[in-house]
Amino acid sequence: MEKKVGSCIVAGAICLDIIPDIHDQKGFLQAILPGHLVAIGAPILATGGAVSNTGLALYKLGIPTQLMGKVGDDPFGKQVISLLSAVDEQLTSGMQVVPGDDTSYTVILSPADADRVFLHSTGANDTFGPEDINYDALREADLFHFGYPTAMTRMYINDGQELVLLLERVKETGITTSLDTSMFDPHGAPGQTNWELLLKKVMPFIDIFLPSRDEILLMLMPEKVGCAPDAALNREIAQKLLDFGAAIVVIKQGENGLYLRTTDLRNGRNLGRAFSNSSGNWRYREIWAPAFEVPVVGTTGAGDCAVAGFLAAVLRGMSPENALSIAAAVGACNVEAADATSGVRSWKETLSRISRGWKQHDLAPLGWKFDRNARLWKGPTDGRRV
C-alpha cells in the first residue's frame, strides 16, 4: 500500500520573471556595451521566486500545495495571479494582492554560453511579515517551506527578528519546517546583515535547510564564494549549520549535485508531521547525490525545483537516499526548459526516468566512493558521529 502523501504550504518571495530569448547569441554578456544594440527574441513571462518555483514544482509532483505570497495590484501583479490561476485557481487562494504595492519582478538574462544574470526588484516581498501567514491553515498541513528571506527586507533586518517570530509561531503548530535562500547583492542592504548571527537565531526552528553552496558561503565565508568543489568545505559548512540548530542540511551544488548531512535527530527533537511516516535512517547521514546528465536550456529555478523534489520525497515518506536522488532528478528536468518550472515532470515520470538508468556525473574526482549495494555516493563520515 502506498504511503499517505503529505501536504505543503510554500510561503515567502514571489515575482514575475521576464526572460528574453537570447539563446542564439554567443558571447551575449560580452556584447552588452554602451551604445550597442543586441537583437533578441520574444520574452517568456512566468511566475518566479520560491513561492512559485518550489510551489508549482511540488504541485506538478502531486503534492497538495498552498501558496502564501504578496503582489501589488499593478499589471505585473495581475499577470502573476493570472499565471497561477491558469495552473489551478486554488493556488491563488492564499495570495495577497495589496493596493498600491509594486510587484516584485526579475529580468533574467540566460544566454546559451554563460550562467544566468538577474536584474531584480524586490517590490511587495519587502513588506512581507509574520502577520501575512495564515497559521490556522498550517495546522492542517504537514510541511511549511519558506523561501528567500534573503530577498525580503523585513525578514533580514534587525538580525532576522521578524523571521524568528514567524518561524517560532509556525513551529508551534507541529508542522515540519524548511527554509531556502537566494543569492543577494553583497553591496546592497542584505550584504550589511550579520548572517551568521541571523542563522544562529533561525536554525533552531528549521528542520530542513536547503541553501545553495555560493549562497551559504556568501553568508558565512564570503572569501570562498566561487571556489572549486570541496568535500571538506561542504562538511565544515553543514556542521556549522547543524551546530546552529538545523536538523537536516542539504547544500545545492549546481552541476555537482546535492550534499546532505544530518544530526542525531534525538534529544527530544520533533521534526514535525512530514516525517510521521518516513522511512530509512536519517540519523548522522552524509550523502552526496551527483547531478543527472541533461542538455541545459536554462538554469532558472533549478535549485528551487531540486528543493521541491526533496520535499516531495519527504512528504511521501521516502528515505534520505531516495529523497536526494529525486531532488537531483527534478533539478535536472528543470534545466531542460528556459523558465523555472515547465521542465518539471510528474512524480511517476520522474521515477521512471531514474529507474531506466539515467546517467549521473562522477564524484570520484572529489574523493567520494560509490556504494554499489546502496547505489549511492557516501562520505567518509556517513552514519557515524564526528
Protein backbone atom coordinates (compact mmCIF):
# COMPACT_ATOMS: atom_id res chain seq x y z
CA MET A 1 0.00 0.00 0.00
CA GLU A 2 1.34 3.43 -0.96
CA LYS A 3 2.10 5.73 1.95
CA LYS A 4 -0.06 8.77 2.60
CA VAL A 5 1.08 11.83 0.66
CA GLY A 6 1.57 14.83 2.92
CA SER A 7 0.61 18.40 2.08
CA CYS A 8 2.74 21.53 1.88
CA ILE A 9 2.42 25.29 2.31
CA VAL A 10 5.00 27.39 0.46
CA ALA A 11 5.46 30.99 1.64
CA GLY A 12 7.90 33.82 1.03
CA ALA A 13 9.05 35.65 -2.10
CA ILE A 14 7.21 35.63 -5.41
CA CYS A 15 7.77 37.70 -8.54
CA LEU A 16 7.20 37.96 -12.27
CA ASP A 17 10.07 36.57 -14.35
CA ILE A 18 10.79 38.25 -17.68
CA ILE A 19 13.12 36.02 -19.72
CA PRO A 20 14.26 37.41 -23.10
CA ASP A 21 15.07 34.84 -25.78
CA ILE A 22 18.85 35.18 -26.23
CA HIS A 23 19.82 31.53 -26.71
CA ASP A 24 21.16 32.09 -30.21
CA GLN A 25 23.54 34.81 -29.05
CA LYS A 26 27.04 33.54 -28.38
CA GLY A 27 29.02 35.82 -26.15
CA PHE A 28 25.90 37.81 -25.27
CA LEU A 29 27.17 39.16 -21.97
CA GLN A 30 30.37 40.39 -23.59
CA ALA A 31 28.30 42.08 -26.33
CA ILE A 32 26.37 44.31 -23.90
CA LEU A 33 28.33 47.53 -24.23
CA PRO A 34 27.24 51.19 -24.06
CA GLY A 35 25.78 52.31 -27.37
CA HIS A 36 25.34 48.78 -28.78
CA LEU A 37 22.10 47.13 -29.87
CA VAL A 38 21.77 43.37 -29.45
CA ALA A 39 18.92 41.58 -31.25
CA ILE A 40 16.89 39.19 -29.05
CA GLY A 41 13.67 37.20 -29.42
CA ALA A 42 10.28 37.35 -27.72
CA PRO A 43 10.33 37.10 -23.90
CA ILE A 44 8.88 34.39 -21.74
CA LEU A 45 6.66 35.71 -18.94
CA ALA A 46 6.48 33.34 -15.99
CA THR A 47 5.99 33.44 -12.26
CA GLY A 48 9.22 33.25 -10.27
CA GLY A 49 10.58 33.27 -6.74
CA ALA A 50 10.45 30.44 -4.25
CA VAL A 51 6.67 30.57 -3.73
CA SER A 52 6.05 29.99 -7.42
CA ASN A 53 9.06 27.87 -8.38
CA THR A 54 9.05 25.45 -5.48
CA GLY A 55 5.27 25.61 -5.05
CA LEU A 56 4.40 24.85 -8.68
CA ALA A 57 7.05 22.11 -8.87
CA LEU A 58 5.54 20.46 -5.76
CA TYR A 59 2.10 20.74 -7.36
CA LYS A 60 3.35 19.07 -10.55
CA LEU A 61 4.89 16.31 -8.43
CA GLY A 62 1.47 15.51 -6.99
CA ILE A 63 1.78 17.22 -3.61
CA PRO A 64 -1.30 19.11 -2.29
CA THR A 65 0.13 22.64 -2.18
CA GLN A 66 -0.97 26.05 -0.95
CA LEU A 67 0.87 29.30 -1.74
CA MET A 68 1.28 32.35 0.53
CA GLY A 69 2.85 35.44 -1.03
CA LYS A 70 2.25 39.13 -1.76
CA VAL A 71 1.91 41.07 -5.01
CA GLY A 72 0.70 44.56 -5.84
CA ASP A 73 -2.42 45.49 -7.80
CA ASP A 74 -0.24 46.68 -10.70
CA PRO A 75 -0.06 45.00 -14.15
CA PHE A 76 2.77 42.69 -13.04
CA GLY A 77 0.73 41.56 -10.02
CA LYS A 78 -2.29 40.84 -12.20
CA GLN A 79 -0.06 38.82 -14.52
CA VAL A 80 1.29 36.76 -11.60
CA ILE A 81 -2.23 35.95 -10.37
CA SER A 82 -3.37 35.14 -13.91
CA LEU A 83 -0.46 32.75 -14.50
CA LEU A 84 -1.08 30.94 -11.19
CA SER A 85 -4.83 30.70 -11.90
CA ALA A 86 -4.10 29.17 -15.29
CA VAL A 87 -2.43 26.25 -13.49
CA ASP A 88 -5.11 25.90 -10.79
CA GLU A 89 -7.32 28.62 -9.33
CA GLN A 90 -6.88 27.05 -5.89
CA LEU A 91 -3.23 28.09 -5.95
CA THR A 92 -4.20 31.77 -5.62
CA SER A 93 -6.39 31.31 -2.53
CA GLY A 94 -3.58 32.18 -0.11
CA MET A 95 -2.09 35.00 -2.20
CA GLN A 96 -2.45 38.65 -1.14
CA VAL A 97 -2.97 41.48 -3.63
CA VAL A 98 -2.01 44.74 -1.89
CA PRO A 99 -3.32 48.03 -3.36
CA GLY A 100 -0.53 50.50 -4.03
CA ASP A 101 2.31 47.98 -3.70
CA ASP A 102 4.71 47.23 -6.56
CA THR A 103 5.00 43.60 -7.60
CA SER A 104 8.46 42.10 -7.46
CA TYR A 105 9.94 41.27 -10.87
CA THR A 106 13.14 39.82 -12.29
CA VAL A 107 14.67 40.26 -15.74
CA ILE A 108 16.65 37.06 -16.30
CA LEU A 109 19.49 37.08 -18.81
CA SER A 110 20.18 33.43 -19.51
CA PRO A 111 22.44 33.12 -22.60
CA ALA A 112 23.48 29.79 -24.02
CA ASP A 113 27.16 30.22 -23.20
CA ALA A 114 27.03 31.53 -19.62
CA ASP A 115 25.25 31.28 -16.28
CA ARG A 116 22.25 33.50 -15.52
CA VAL A 117 22.32 37.17 -14.63
CA PHE A 118 19.40 38.56 -12.60
CA LEU A 119 18.08 42.13 -12.58
CA HIS A 120 15.73 42.02 -9.60
CA SER A 121 13.25 44.37 -7.91
CA THR A 122 12.03 43.10 -4.51
CA GLY A 123 8.72 45.00 -4.55
CA ALA A 124 5.96 43.75 -2.24
CA ASN A 125 8.20 40.98 -0.89
CA ASP A 126 9.89 43.62 1.26
CA THR A 127 6.68 44.21 3.23
CA PHE A 128 6.00 40.51 3.96
CA GLY A 129 5.91 39.84 7.72
CA PRO A 130 4.68 37.38 10.37
CA GLU A 131 1.12 38.72 10.09
CA ASP A 132 0.96 37.57 6.45
CA ILE A 133 0.95 33.86 7.38
CA ASN A 134 -2.35 32.02 7.88
CA TYR A 135 -1.34 29.99 10.94
CA ASP A 136 -4.70 28.18 11.11
CA ALA A 137 -4.01 26.72 7.64
CA LEU A 138 -0.66 25.42 8.89
CA ARG A 139 -2.40 23.19 11.42
CA GLU A 140 -3.96 21.26 8.53
CA ALA A 141 -0.72 20.83 6.55
CA ASP A 142 2.37 18.67 7.05
CA LEU A 143 5.25 20.86 5.85
CA PHE A 144 5.88 24.62 5.75
CA HIS A 145 8.52 25.82 3.31
CA PHE A 146 9.75 29.42 3.44
CA GLY A 147 11.78 30.75 0.55
CA TYR A 148 14.12 33.69 0.04
CA PRO A 149 14.21 35.64 3.33
CA THR A 150 17.44 37.00 1.81
CA ALA A 151 15.27 38.98 -0.66
CA MET A 152 12.67 40.23 1.85
CA THR A 153 13.63 43.30 3.89
CA ARG A 154 11.50 42.61 6.97
CA MET A 155 12.90 39.09 7.19
CA TYR A 156 16.57 40.06 7.49
CA ILE A 157 16.64 43.48 9.17
CA ASN A 158 17.30 43.65 12.92
CA ASP A 159 19.22 40.35 12.69
CA GLY A 160 16.13 38.49 11.49
CA GLN A 161 13.92 39.40 14.46
CA GLU A 162 10.65 39.11 12.50
CA LEU A 163 11.76 35.94 10.71
CA VAL A 164 12.43 34.31 14.07
CA LEU A 165 8.99 35.39 15.32
CA LEU A 166 7.36 33.99 12.19
CA LEU A 167 9.17 30.64 12.39
CA GLU A 168 8.58 30.29 16.12
CA ARG A 169 4.83 30.67 15.59
CA VAL A 170 4.95 28.27 12.62
CA LYS A 171 6.81 25.59 14.58
CA GLU A 172 4.25 25.79 17.40
CA THR A 173 1.66 24.29 15.03
CA GLY A 174 3.55 20.97 14.91
CA ILE A 175 4.39 21.30 11.22
CA THR A 176 7.75 20.39 9.66
CA THR A 177 9.72 23.48 8.62
CA SER A 178 12.11 24.02 5.74
CA LEU A 179 13.99 27.09 4.55
CA ASP A 180 15.68 28.08 1.30
CA THR A 181 17.70 31.18 0.45
CA SER A 182 18.57 33.18 -2.65
CA MET A 183 21.68 34.94 -3.87
CA PHE A 184 21.84 38.60 -2.86
CA ASP A 185 23.85 41.70 -3.68
CA PRO A 186 26.74 41.80 -1.19
CA HIS A 187 26.97 45.55 -1.71
CA GLY A 188 23.26 46.15 -1.04
CA ALA A 189 21.22 46.10 2.18
CA PRO A 190 21.29 42.28 2.57
CA GLY A 191 25.08 42.43 2.33
CA GLN A 192 25.20 44.52 5.51
CA THR A 193 23.36 41.84 7.51
CA ASN A 194 25.18 39.71 10.09
CA TRP A 195 24.07 36.44 8.52
CA GLU A 196 25.92 34.22 10.97
CA LEU A 197 24.07 35.82 13.88
CA LEU A 198 20.77 35.59 11.99
CA LEU A 199 21.27 31.91 11.19
CA LYS A 200 22.13 31.14 14.80
CA LYS A 201 18.76 32.61 15.79
CA VAL A 202 16.78 30.94 12.99
CA MET A 203 18.21 27.41 12.72
CA PRO A 204 16.65 26.06 15.97
CA PHE A 205 13.26 26.43 14.26
CA ILE A 206 14.34 24.82 10.97
CA ASP A 207 14.08 21.09 10.34
CA ILE A 208 15.42 21.19 6.76
CA PHE A 209 17.75 23.93 5.49
CA LEU A 210 18.48 23.91 1.74
CA PRO A 211 20.78 26.77 0.63
CA SER A 212 22.95 26.73 -2.45
CA ARG A 213 26.69 26.45 -1.93
CA ASP A 214 27.51 30.01 -3.04
CA GLU A 215 24.59 31.47 -1.06
CA ILE A 216 25.71 29.94 2.22
CA LEU A 217 29.34 30.78 1.51
CA LEU A 218 28.34 34.40 0.91
CA MET A 219 26.64 34.35 4.32
CA LEU A 220 29.34 32.58 6.32
CA MET A 221 32.59 32.55 4.32
CA PRO A 222 32.36 35.25 1.62
CA GLU A 223 36.04 34.96 0.75
CA LYS A 224 35.38 31.43 -0.58
CA VAL A 225 32.47 32.19 -2.92
CA GLY A 226 33.14 30.63 -6.32
CA CYS A 227 35.86 28.27 -5.11
CA ALA A 228 36.19 24.77 -6.56
CA PRO A 229 34.02 21.88 -5.24
CA ASP A 230 35.44 20.69 -1.96
CA ALA A 231 34.05 17.85 0.15
CA ALA A 232 35.81 19.07 3.29
CA LEU A 233 34.36 22.56 2.88
CA ASN A 234 30.85 21.13 2.42
CA ARG A 235 31.30 19.15 5.62
CA GLU A 236 32.53 22.20 7.50
CA ILE A 237 29.61 24.39 6.38
CA ALA A 238 26.99 21.73 7.10
CA GLN A 239 28.41 21.00 10.55
CA LYS A 240 28.30 24.69 11.42
CA LEU A 241 24.62 24.84 10.44
CA LEU A 242 23.82 21.69 12.40
CA ASP A 243 25.58 23.20 15.40
CA PHE A 244 23.38 26.29 14.99
CA GLY A 245 20.32 24.04 15.40
CA ALA A 246 19.20 22.74 12.00
CA ALA A 247 18.36 19.02 11.87
CA ILE A 248 18.92 18.32 8.16
CA VAL A 249 21.16 20.36 5.86
CA VAL A 250 21.06 20.00 2.07
CA ILE A 251 23.56 22.14 0.14
CA LYS A 252 22.75 22.54 -3.55
CA GLN A 253 25.87 22.23 -5.71
CA GLY A 254 24.57 23.06 -9.19
CA GLU A 255 26.15 20.75 -11.76
CA ASN A 256 27.85 18.91 -8.88
CA GLY A 257 24.55 17.69 -7.41
CA LEU A 258 23.42 17.92 -3.80
CA TYR A 259 25.18 17.29 -0.48
CA LEU A 260 23.25 16.16 2.63
CA ARG A 261 24.29 15.97 6.23
CA THR A 262 22.10 15.34 9.28
CA THR A 263 22.41 15.45 13.06
CA ASP A 264 21.44 12.77 15.60
CA LEU A 265 17.72 13.73 15.48
CA ARG A 266 17.40 12.74 19.11
CA ASN A 267 17.33 14.67 22.40
CA GLY A 268 13.62 15.33 22.02
CA ARG A 269 13.91 16.86 18.53
CA ASN A 270 10.48 16.81 16.86
CA LEU A 271 10.74 17.00 13.08
CA GLY A 272 7.02 17.58 12.67
CA ARG A 273 4.23 15.88 10.77
CA ALA A 274 6.03 15.46 7.43
CA PHE A 275 8.28 12.80 8.99
CA SER A 276 5.46 10.84 10.67
CA ASN A 277 5.66 8.08 8.03
CA SER A 278 9.29 8.48 6.90
CA SER A 279 11.45 5.50 6.04
CA GLY A 280 15.19 4.91 6.08
CA ASN A 281 17.81 6.12 8.51
CA TRP A 282 18.03 9.91 8.82
CA ARG A 283 20.49 9.94 11.77
CA TYR A 284 24.09 11.08 11.22
CA ARG A 285 23.89 10.78 7.45
CA GLU A 286 26.33 12.21 4.91
CA ILE A 287 25.36 11.65 1.27
CA TRP A 288 26.27 13.37 -1.98
CA ALA A 289 23.89 12.83 -4.91
CA PRO A 290 25.52 13.67 -8.24
CA ALA A 291 23.64 15.63 -10.90
CA PHE A 292 21.96 13.79 -13.76
CA GLU A 293 23.27 14.45 -17.26
CA VAL A 294 20.93 16.57 -19.43
CA PRO A 295 21.18 19.17 -22.21
CA VAL A 296 20.94 22.55 -20.48
CA VAL A 297 18.49 25.06 -21.94
CA GLY A 298 18.24 27.37 -18.91
CA THR A 299 19.11 27.16 -15.22
CA THR A 300 16.39 29.48 -13.85
CA GLY A 301 14.70 27.86 -10.84
CA ALA A 302 16.87 24.74 -10.88
CA GLY A 303 17.64 24.97 -7.17
CA ASP A 304 14.00 25.67 -6.27
CA CYS A 305 12.85 22.63 -8.24
CA ALA A 306 15.51 20.45 -6.62
CA VAL A 307 14.13 21.61 -3.26
CA ALA A 308 10.65 20.63 -4.42
CA GLY A 309 11.88 17.17 -5.38
CA PHE A 310 13.46 16.67 -1.97
CA LEU A 311 10.41 17.90 -0.06
CA ALA A 312 8.04 15.84 -2.23
CA ALA A 313 10.05 12.72 -1.38
CA VAL A 314 9.95 13.56 2.35
CA LEU A 315 6.18 14.08 2.12
CA ARG A 316 5.89 10.65 0.51
CA GLY A 317 7.83 9.04 3.37
CA MET A 318 10.96 8.21 1.38
CA SER A 319 14.49 7.59 2.67
CA PRO A 320 17.23 10.26 2.56
CA GLU A 321 18.98 8.36 -0.23
CA ASN A 322 15.88 8.43 -2.44
CA ALA A 323 14.95 11.98 -1.44
CA LEU A 324 18.35 13.30 -2.52
CA SER A 325 18.32 11.37 -5.79
CA ILE A 326 14.84 12.66 -6.65
CA ALA A 327 15.92 16.20 -5.80
CA ALA A 328 18.79 15.89 -8.29
CA ALA A 329 16.41 14.45 -10.90
CA VAL A 330 13.80 17.22 -10.59
CA GLY A 331 16.53 19.86 -10.74
CA ALA A 332 17.88 18.22 -13.91
CA CYS A 333 14.45 18.15 -15.55
CA ASN A 334 14.11 21.84 -14.78
CA VAL A 335 17.19 22.91 -16.77
CA GLU A 336 15.76 21.31 -19.91
CA ALA A 337 13.42 24.33 -20.22
CA ALA A 338 14.07 28.09 -20.23
CA ASP A 339 11.66 29.03 -17.44
CA ALA A 340 11.53 27.87 -13.83
CA THR A 341 9.00 25.02 -13.83
CA SER A 342 7.82 23.88 -17.28
CA GLY A 343 10.59 21.27 -17.47
CA VAL A 344 9.40 19.55 -14.27
CA ARG A 345 7.70 16.20 -14.93
CA SER A 346 5.12 14.29 -12.91
CA TRP A 347 6.17 12.15 -9.95
CA LYS A 348 5.61 8.95 -11.95
CA GLU A 349 7.58 10.20 -14.96
CA THR A 350 10.46 11.35 -12.74
CA LEU A 351 10.77 7.98 -11.00
CA SER A 352 10.52 6.17 -14.32
CA ARG A 353 13.34 8.23 -15.80
CA ILE A 354 15.60 7.43 -12.84
CA SER A 355 14.76 3.72 -12.97
CA ARG A 356 15.74 3.50 -16.65
CA GLY A 357 19.39 4.09 -15.74
CA TRP A 358 19.63 7.84 -16.22
CA LYS A 359 23.34 8.65 -16.29
CA GLN A 360 24.83 10.74 -13.48
CA HIS A 361 28.09 12.63 -13.11
CA ASP A 362 31.06 11.01 -11.39
CA LEU A 363 32.01 12.13 -7.87
CA ALA A 364 35.18 10.04 -7.64
CA PRO A 365 37.39 13.05 -8.52
CA LEU A 366 36.05 14.69 -5.35
CA GLY A 367 37.25 11.79 -3.19
CA TRP A 368 33.92 10.01 -2.68
CA LYS A 369 33.27 6.29 -3.12
CA PHE A 370 30.25 4.67 -4.75
CA ASP A 371 28.47 2.06 -2.60
CA ARG A 372 27.17 -0.38 -5.20
CA ASN A 373 24.91 -2.20 -2.75
CA ALA A 374 23.23 1.02 -1.57
CA ARG A 375 23.57 2.59 -5.04
CA LEU A 376 24.75 5.94 -3.66
CA TRP A 377 27.85 8.00 -3.01
CA LYS A 378 28.76 8.02 0.67
CA GLY A 379 31.09 10.33 2.53
CA PRO A 380 33.71 9.06 4.96
CA THR A 381 31.59 10.01 7.99
CA ASP A 382 28.27 8.58 6.78
CA GLY A 383 26.35 7.01 9.64
CA ARG A 384 28.77 7.81 12.40
CA ARG A 385 29.19 10.75 14.69
CA VAL A 386 32.16 13.09 14.24
